[in-house]
Amino acid sequence: MRILLTILALLASSSLLAGPPEGAQRLMIPYPSICTPGMTEMMSALTEDYAVHISMTFEESPLTGIVVVHNPNTKTAAVLHVSEVRTCLVFSGQNLNMFDRPEDMAPPKVNVEDFEES
């Protein structure tokens, strides 16, 4: 009985760990980027040329992050990768669509702190 409970506990806890979906592959995909030594140069150019503003940021790690900029009037957007030594324009595009999180969406199954440690 104790072994059965232990196995059930392990199965239940392992199902709460986030991982890649079935059939996923880790790939290194090269793509062209435009980089500047710092964020000031990149944001100055994007603000002047495209009138974008920072709409979202998040940390990738303690030393790197992602900045999303957009202009809702022209429906243009860009994704920047920021580090201590450079800021790179990774993706940019047109026909921006914004979405709201559905009110009845279930809460995440994985604790964010657990994700950050992996």
Protein backbone atom coordinates (compact mmCIF):
# COMPACT_ATOMS: atom_id res chain seq x y z
CA MET A 1 0.00 0.00 0.00
CA ARG A 2 2.79 2.41 0.90
CA ILE A 3 4.55 1.71 -2.43
CA LEU A 4 1.32 2.39 -4.33
CA LEU A 5 0.87 5.72 -2.52
CA THR A 6 4.48 6.67 -3.24
CA ILE A 7 4.06 5.90 -6.95
CA LEU A 8 0.81 7.87 -7.10
CA ALA A 9 2.45 10.83 -5.37
CA LEU A 10 5.35 10.77 -7.83
CA LEU A 11 3.03 10.59 -10.81
CA ALA A 12 0.89 13.44 -9.50
CA SER A 13 3.88 15.67 -8.82
CA SER A 14 5.52 14.92 -12.17
CA SER A 15 2.36 15.91 -14.02
CA LEU A 16 2.66 19.40 -12.49
CA LEU A 17 6.07 20.03 -14.04
CA ALA A 18 5.99 21.99 -17.26
CA GLY A 19 7.86 20.58 -20.16
CA PRO A 20 7.79 20.71 -23.91
CA PRO A 21 4.72 19.33 -25.64
CA GLU A 22 4.87 15.86 -27.13
CA GLY A 23 6.85 15.81 -30.37
CA ALA A 24 8.69 19.07 -29.60
CA GLN A 25 12.30 19.56 -30.65
CA ARG A 26 14.92 22.02 -29.43
CA LEU A 27 16.36 23.79 -32.49
CA MET A 28 18.90 26.55 -32.97
CA ILE A 29 17.41 28.69 -35.72
CA PRO A 30 19.63 31.39 -37.18
CA TYR A 31 17.93 34.63 -38.21
CA PRO A 32 19.24 38.07 -39.07
CA SER A 33 19.20 40.71 -36.35
CA ILE A 34 20.10 44.37 -36.18
CA CYS A 35 22.04 45.16 -33.00
CA THR A 36 23.23 48.33 -31.28
CA PRO A 37 25.68 48.62 -28.38
CA GLY A 38 22.92 49.78 -26.04
CA MET A 39 19.18 50.16 -25.72
CA THR A 40 19.24 53.96 -26.04
CA GLU A 41 20.41 53.87 -29.66
CA MET A 42 17.86 51.23 -30.66
CA MET A 43 14.90 52.85 -28.91
CA SER A 44 15.81 56.30 -30.26
CA ALA A 45 15.82 54.98 -33.83
CA LEU A 46 12.59 52.98 -33.42
CA THR A 47 10.81 55.86 -31.70
CA GLU A 48 11.88 58.37 -34.32
CA ASP A 49 11.25 56.18 -37.38
CA TYR A 50 8.18 54.21 -36.28
CA ALA A 51 6.79 56.13 -33.27
CA VAL A 52 6.68 52.96 -31.19
CA HIS A 53 6.54 52.78 -27.42
CA ILE A 54 7.47 50.01 -25.00
CA SER A 55 4.35 47.97 -24.38
CA MET A 56 5.77 44.93 -22.57
CA THR A 57 9.00 43.71 -20.99
CA PHE A 58 10.05 40.50 -19.31
CA GLU A 59 13.25 38.94 -18.01
CA GLU A 60 14.76 36.01 -19.84
CA SER A 61 17.42 35.72 -17.15
CA PRO A 62 18.86 38.09 -14.54
CA LEU A 63 21.15 39.55 -17.25
CA THR A 64 18.97 39.44 -20.38
CA GLY A 65 15.47 40.47 -21.25
CA ILE A 66 12.84 40.94 -23.93
CA VAL A 67 11.22 44.24 -24.85
CA VAL A 68 8.13 44.42 -27.03
CA VAL A 69 7.43 47.77 -28.70
CA HIS A 70 4.47 48.74 -30.82
CA ASN A 71 2.50 51.53 -32.43
CA PRO A 72 -1.25 50.86 -32.18
CA ASN A 73 -2.02 53.50 -34.83
CA THR A 74 0.11 51.89 -37.56
CA LYS A 75 -0.28 48.33 -36.17
CA THR A 76 3.48 47.77 -36.27
CA ALA A 77 5.47 45.96 -33.60
CA ALA A 78 8.95 44.70 -32.83
CA VAL A 79 10.67 42.36 -30.38
CA LEU A 80 14.03 43.34 -28.92
CA HIS A 81 16.51 41.14 -27.08
CA VAL A 82 18.44 43.16 -24.48
CA SER A 83 21.68 42.19 -22.74
CA GLU A 84 24.43 44.09 -20.94
CA VAL A 85 26.48 44.40 -24.14
CA ARG A 86 23.87 44.96 -26.87
CA THR A 87 20.25 45.38 -27.88
CA CYS A 88 19.06 43.47 -30.94
CA LEU A 89 15.97 43.92 -33.07
CA VAL A 90 14.97 40.28 -33.40
CA PHE A 91 11.57 40.44 -35.09
CA SER A 92 9.42 43.21 -36.51
CA GLY A 93 6.16 43.17 -38.37
CA GLN A 94 2.87 44.70 -39.38
CA ASN A 95 -0.85 44.04 -38.84
CA LEU A 96 -0.52 43.80 -35.07
CA ASN A 97 -3.42 42.08 -33.28
CA MET A 98 -3.85 42.38 -29.52
CA PHE A 99 -5.66 39.77 -27.44
CA ASP A 100 -7.04 39.71 -23.90
CA ARG A 101 -6.80 36.70 -21.63
CA PRO A 102 -10.19 34.95 -21.49
CA GLU A 103 -11.90 35.52 -18.14
CA ASP A 104 -12.76 31.84 -17.68
CA MET A 105 -9.28 30.53 -18.50
CA ALA A 106 -7.91 28.08 -15.95
CA PRO A 107 -4.98 29.19 -13.76
CA PRO A 108 -1.51 27.87 -14.66
CA LYS A 109 -0.64 24.37 -13.50
CA VAL A 110 2.99 25.31 -12.94
CA ASN A 111 4.32 27.71 -10.33
CA VAL A 112 6.33 30.54 -11.95
CA GLU A 113 9.09 30.18 -9.33
CA ASP A 114 9.52 26.54 -10.37
CA PHE A 115 9.82 27.63 -14.01
CA GLU A 116 12.51 30.20 -13.18
CA GLU A 117 14.64 27.56 -11.44
CA SER A 118 14.61 25.16 -14.40
